[in-house]
Amino acid sequence: NPTTGKLYTSGNAQLDAILGSMASSFGINGTTSLRKVYDWVATFTYSSMNLYPSGSWQSWSIPYAIQMYNNRTGNCYRYASLTCWFARALGFEAKVISGQVLVVGGWAAHSWVEVSLNGGTYIIDTQQHAKPANSGRDFFMRTYDTAPLYYRKI
């Protein structure tokens, strides 16, 4: 995590090159840099596609992160993947979560980033931040209890 200075790489040459090339844009200033990533990724366009990935998050998050970066569009799984790998590159202990979020009409499939920091667990939901309907709502480094939506892991 940022307090130990340990940086993570994905092990994928293409993704690691993307992360490295963007490092100067965000700096290495802990949550300040992570907030810049969150705001930047949220400028990408939402597009529903491949709603339900299979396998562990590590297996699909690398290609999804690359797709999101290259196309500047994607669904929640792609928003979460790119945000997660940038968080890890900044030294945060982060992972992509597949689960559900409570919306009008019931629970809907969704994905977000979970960050462990200083004994706490925090949500970063870049795709929700990107939605115009959520203007003014903060989905950055929120606990499950203080998040603007109800989340559940599946």
C-alpha atoms as a PDB file:
ATOM      1  CA  ASN A   1       0.000   0.000   0.000  1.00  0.00           C
ATOM      2  CA  PRO A   2       1.117   3.630  -0.300  1.00  0.00           C
ATOM      3  CA  THR A   3       2.468   3.665   3.244  1.00  0.00           C
ATOM      4  CA  THR A   4       4.950   0.904   2.411  1.00  0.00           C
ATOM      5  CA  GLY A   5       5.830   2.276  -1.011  1.00  0.00           C
ATOM      6  CA  LYS A   6       5.218  -1.130  -2.602  1.00  0.00           C
ATOM      7  CA  LEU A   7       4.058  -0.727  -6.193  1.00  0.00           C
ATOM      8  CA  TYR A   8       2.238  -3.501  -7.975  1.00  0.00           C
ATOM      9  CA  THR A   9       2.435  -4.422 -11.626  1.00  0.00           C
ATOM     10  CA  SER A  10      -0.042  -6.492 -13.561  1.00  0.00           C
ATOM     11  CA  GLY A  11       2.561  -8.755 -15.128  1.00  0.00           C
ATOM     12  CA  ASN A  12       1.112  -7.891 -18.538  1.00  0.00           C
ATOM     13  CA  ALA A  13       3.567  -5.911 -20.663  1.00  0.00           C
ATOM     14  CA  GLN A  14       0.879  -3.943 -22.521  1.00  0.00           C
ATOM     15  CA  LEU A  15      -1.020  -2.919 -19.391  1.00  0.00           C
ATOM     16  CA  ASP A  16       2.146  -2.143 -17.451  1.00  0.00           C
ATOM     17  CA  ALA A  17       3.294   0.122 -20.310  1.00  0.00           C
ATOM     18  CA  ILE A  18      -0.044   1.977 -20.131  1.00  0.00           C
ATOM     19  CA  LEU A  19       0.223   2.357 -16.357  1.00  0.00           C
ATOM     20  CA  GLY A  20       3.817   3.543 -16.617  1.00  0.00           C
ATOM     21  CA  SER A  21       3.093   6.004 -19.414  1.00  0.00           C
ATOM     22  CA  MET A  22       0.334   7.652 -17.377  1.00  0.00           C
ATOM     23  CA  ALA A  23       2.269   7.805 -14.105  1.00  0.00           C
ATOM     24  CA  SER A  24       3.508  11.362 -14.655  1.00  0.00           C
ATOM     25  CA  SER A  25      -0.065  12.546 -15.241  1.00  0.00           C
ATOM     26  CA  PHE A  26      -1.231  11.377 -11.828  1.00  0.00           C
ATOM     27  CA  GLY A  27       1.925  11.604  -9.719  1.00  0.00           C
ATOM     28  CA  ILE A  28       2.596   9.325  -6.765  1.00  0.00           C
ATOM     29  CA  ASN A  29       0.843  11.247  -4.009  1.00  0.00           C
ATOM     30  CA  GLY A  30      -1.324   8.538  -2.439  1.00  0.00           C
ATOM     31  CA  THR A  31      -5.050   9.226  -2.380  1.00  0.00           C
ATOM     32  CA  THR A  32      -4.598  12.574  -4.165  1.00  0.00           C
ATOM     33  CA  SER A  33      -3.195  10.738  -7.185  1.00  0.00           C
ATOM     34  CA  LEU A  34      -5.845   8.040  -6.901  1.00  0.00           C
ATOM     35  CA  ARG A  35      -8.560  10.725  -6.937  1.00  0.00           C
ATOM     36  CA  LYS A  36      -7.063  12.059 -10.190  1.00  0.00           C
ATOM     37  CA  VAL A  37      -7.304   8.558 -11.674  1.00  0.00           C
ATOM     38  CA  TYR A  38     -10.921   8.265 -10.512  1.00  0.00           C
ATOM     39  CA  ASP A  39     -11.898  11.597 -12.048  1.00  0.00           C
ATOM     40  CA  TRP A  40     -10.058  10.846 -15.319  1.00  0.00           C
ATOM     41  CA  VAL A  41     -11.473   7.347 -15.847  1.00  0.00           C
ATOM     42  CA  ALA A  42     -14.956   8.726 -15.108  1.00  0.00           C
ATOM     43  CA  THR A  43     -14.667  10.890 -18.243  1.00  0.00           C
ATOM     44  CA  PHE A  44     -14.852   7.750 -20.408  1.00  0.00           C
ATOM     45  CA  THR A  45     -18.146   6.803 -22.048  1.00  0.00           C
ATOM     46  CA  TYR A  46     -20.414   4.125 -20.631  1.00  0.00           C
ATOM     47  CA  SER A  47     -21.331   1.280 -22.976  1.00  0.00           C
ATOM     48  CA  SER A  48     -23.036  -1.946 -21.946  1.00  0.00           C
ATOM     49  CA  MET A  49     -21.222  -5.021 -23.229  1.00  0.00           C
ATOM     50  CA  ASN A  50     -20.200  -8.449 -21.968  1.00  0.00           C
ATOM     51  CA  LEU A  51     -22.156  -7.954 -18.777  1.00  0.00           C
ATOM     52  CA  TYR A  52     -20.999 -11.018 -16.881  1.00  0.00           C
ATOM     53  CA  PRO A  53     -17.324 -11.965 -17.050  1.00  0.00           C
ATOM     54  CA  SER A  54     -16.333 -15.416 -15.854  1.00  0.00           C
ATOM     55  CA  GLY A  55     -13.380 -16.558 -13.806  1.00  0.00           C
ATOM     56  CA  SER A  56     -11.384 -14.650 -11.204  1.00  0.00           C
ATOM     57  CA  TRP A  57     -11.142 -10.870 -11.452  1.00  0.00           C
ATOM     58  CA  GLN A  58      -7.424 -11.201 -12.156  1.00  0.00           C
ATOM     59  CA  SER A  59      -8.143 -13.225 -15.322  1.00  0.00           C
ATOM     60  CA  TRP A  60     -10.536 -10.751 -16.958  1.00  0.00           C
ATOM     61  CA  SER A  61      -9.524  -7.422 -15.419  1.00  0.00           C
ATOM     62  CA  ILE A  62      -6.281  -7.091 -17.378  1.00  0.00           C
ATOM     63  CA  PRO A  63      -7.849  -7.361 -20.861  1.00  0.00           C
ATOM     64  CA  TYR A  64     -10.807  -5.239 -19.709  1.00  0.00           C
ATOM     65  CA  ALA A  65      -8.465  -2.513 -18.395  1.00  0.00           C
ATOM     66  CA  ILE A  66      -6.586  -2.473 -21.707  1.00  0.00           C
ATOM     67  CA  GLN A  67      -9.863  -2.311 -23.658  1.00  0.00           C
ATOM     68  CA  MET A  68     -11.135   0.555 -21.506  1.00  0.00           C
ATOM     69  CA  TYR A  69      -7.934   2.525 -21.937  1.00  0.00           C
ATOM     70  CA  ASN A  70      -7.733   1.970 -25.698  1.00  0.00           C
ATOM     71  CA  ASN A  71     -11.421   2.528 -26.488  1.00  0.00           C
ATOM     72  CA  ARG A  72     -12.272   5.091 -23.777  1.00  0.00           C
ATOM     73  CA  THR A  73     -15.573   3.277 -23.372  1.00  0.00           C
ATOM     74  CA  GLY A  74     -16.849   0.292 -21.438  1.00  0.00           C
ATOM     75  CA  ASN A  75     -19.175  -1.066 -18.812  1.00  0.00           C
ATOM     76  CA  CYS A  76     -18.767  -1.201 -15.025  1.00  0.00           C
ATOM     77  CA  TYR A  77     -16.361  -4.154 -15.248  1.00  0.00           C
ATOM     78  CA  ARG A  78     -14.055  -2.144 -17.489  1.00  0.00           C
ATOM     79  CA  TYR A  79     -14.278   1.025 -15.376  1.00  0.00           C
ATOM     80  CA  ALA A  80     -13.437  -1.030 -12.295  1.00  0.00           C
ATOM     81  CA  SER A  81     -10.606  -2.912 -14.020  1.00  0.00           C
ATOM     82  CA  LEU A  82      -8.788   0.193 -15.244  1.00  0.00           C
ATOM     83  CA  THR A  83      -9.283   2.028 -11.944  1.00  0.00           C
ATOM     84  CA  CYS A  84      -8.078  -1.000  -9.977  1.00  0.00           C
ATOM     85  CA  TRP A  85      -4.883  -1.477 -11.964  1.00  0.00           C
ATOM     86  CA  PHE A  86      -4.047   2.223 -11.673  1.00  0.00           C
ATOM     87  CA  ALA A  87      -4.680   2.003  -7.915  1.00  0.00           C
ATOM     88  CA  ARG A  88      -2.353  -0.982  -7.680  1.00  0.00           C
ATOM     89  CA  ALA A  89       0.276   0.825  -9.768  1.00  0.00           C
ATOM     90  CA  LEU A  90       0.086   3.663  -7.235  1.00  0.00           C
ATOM     91  CA  GLY A  91       0.779   1.163  -4.457  1.00  0.00           C
ATOM     92  CA  PHE A  92      -2.711   0.571  -3.113  1.00  0.00           C
ATOM     93  CA  GLU A  93      -3.960  -2.878  -2.167  1.00  0.00           C
ATOM     94  CA  ALA A  94      -6.916  -3.002  -4.534  1.00  0.00           C
ATOM     95  CA  LYS A  95      -9.104  -5.582  -6.240  1.00  0.00           C
ATOM     96  CA  VAL A  96     -12.099  -5.656  -8.550  1.00  0.00           C
ATOM     97  CA  ILE A  97     -15.338  -6.834  -6.971  1.00  0.00           C
ATOM     98  CA  SER A  98     -18.166  -8.425  -8.924  1.00  0.00           C
ATOM     99  CA  GLY A  99     -21.449  -8.110  -7.192  1.00  0.00           C
ATOM    100  CA  GLN A 100     -24.683  -6.241  -7.265  1.00  0.00           C
ATOM    101  CA  VAL A 101     -25.934  -2.765  -6.556  1.00  0.00           C
ATOM    102  CA  LEU A 102     -29.459  -1.921  -5.433  1.00  0.00           C
ATOM    103  CA  VAL A 103     -31.305   0.112  -8.058  1.00  0.00           C
ATOM    104  CA  VAL A 104     -34.938   0.921  -8.748  1.00  0.00           C
ATOM    105  CA  GLY A 105     -36.457  -2.460  -9.479  1.00  0.00           C
ATOM    106  CA  GLY A 106     -34.039  -4.565  -7.422  1.00  0.00           C
ATOM    107  CA  TRP A 107     -30.466  -5.779  -7.436  1.00  0.00           C
ATOM    108  CA  ALA A 108     -28.449  -5.365 -10.647  1.00  0.00           C
ATOM    109  CA  ALA A 109     -25.111  -6.908 -11.633  1.00  0.00           C
ATOM    110  CA  HIS A 110     -22.269  -4.471 -11.048  1.00  0.00           C
ATOM    111  CA  SER A 111     -18.546  -4.183 -10.481  1.00  0.00           C
ATOM    112  CA  TRP A 112     -16.444  -1.757  -8.433  1.00  0.00           C
ATOM    113  CA  VAL A 113     -13.018  -1.473  -6.810  1.00  0.00           C
ATOM    114  CA  GLU A 114     -12.312  -2.354  -3.210  1.00  0.00           C
ATOM    115  CA  VAL A 115      -9.270  -0.767  -1.570  1.00  0.00           C
ATOM    116  CA  SER A 116      -7.775  -1.890   1.742  1.00  0.00           C
ATOM    117  CA  LEU A 117      -6.007   0.926   3.552  1.00  0.00           C
ATOM    118  CA  ASN A 118      -4.954   1.364   7.178  1.00  0.00           C
ATOM    119  CA  GLY A 119      -7.219  -1.466   8.347  1.00  0.00           C
ATOM    120  CA  GLY A 120     -10.272  -0.154   6.500  1.00  0.00           C
ATOM    121  CA  THR A 121     -12.074  -1.272   3.362  1.00  0.00           C
ATOM    122  CA  TYR A 122     -13.175   1.361   0.864  1.00  0.00           C
ATOM    123  CA  ILE A 123     -15.212   1.406  -2.337  1.00  0.00           C
ATOM    124  CA  ILE A 124     -14.256   3.240  -5.497  1.00  0.00           C
ATOM    125  CA  ASP A 125     -17.047   3.117  -8.071  1.00  0.00           C
ATOM    126  CA  THR A 126     -15.824   5.010 -11.113  1.00  0.00           C
ATOM    127  CA  GLN A 127     -18.694   3.973 -13.373  1.00  0.00           C
ATOM    128  CA  GLN A 128     -21.288   5.389 -10.964  1.00  0.00           C
ATOM    129  CA  HIS A 129     -19.237   8.602 -10.779  1.00  0.00           C
ATOM    130  CA  ALA A 130     -19.399   8.800 -14.594  1.00  0.00           C
ATOM    131  CA  LYS A 131     -23.214   8.746 -14.685  1.00  0.00           C
ATOM    132  CA  PRO A 132     -24.762  12.207 -15.117  1.00  0.00           C
ATOM    133  CA  ALA A 133     -27.616  11.112 -12.832  1.00  0.00           C
ATOM    134  CA  ASN A 134     -25.108  10.799  -9.983  1.00  0.00           C
ATOM    135  CA  SER A 135     -23.740  14.328 -10.298  1.00  0.00           C
ATOM    136  CA  GLY A 136     -22.799  15.547  -6.841  1.00  0.00           C
ATOM    137  CA  ARG A 137     -22.625  12.044  -5.331  1.00  0.00           C
ATOM    138  CA  ASP A 138     -19.199  10.814  -4.274  1.00  0.00           C
ATOM    139  CA  PHE A 139     -18.198   7.218  -4.942  1.00  0.00           C
ATOM    140  CA  PHE A 140     -14.507   7.652  -4.043  1.00  0.00           C
ATOM    141  CA  MET A 141     -12.996   5.878  -1.031  1.00  0.00           C
ATOM    142  CA  ARG A 142     -16.340   5.341   0.678  1.00  0.00           C
ATOM    143  CA  THR A 143     -17.015   2.608   3.185  1.00  0.00           C
ATOM    144  CA  TYR A 144     -19.829   0.191   2.490  1.00  0.00           C
ATOM    145  CA  ASP A 145     -21.808   1.945   5.241  1.00  0.00           C
ATOM    146  CA  THR A 146     -21.334   5.455   3.794  1.00  0.00           C
ATOM    147  CA  ALA A 147     -21.567   4.719   0.058  1.00  0.00           C
ATOM    148  CA  PRO A 148     -24.412   6.456  -1.806  1.00  0.00           C
ATOM    149  CA  LEU A 149     -25.722   3.062  -3.003  1.00  0.00           C
ATOM    150  CA  TYR A 150     -26.149  -0.351  -1.423  1.00  0.00           C
ATOM    151  CA  TYR A 151     -23.563  -2.887  -2.615  1.00  0.00           C
ATOM    152  CA  ARG A 152     -23.371  -6.616  -2.115  1.00  0.00           C
ATOM    153  CA  LYS A 153     -20.698  -9.048  -3.175  1.00  0.00           C
ATOM    154  CA  ILE A 154     -21.722 -12.272  -4.861  1.00  0.00           C
END
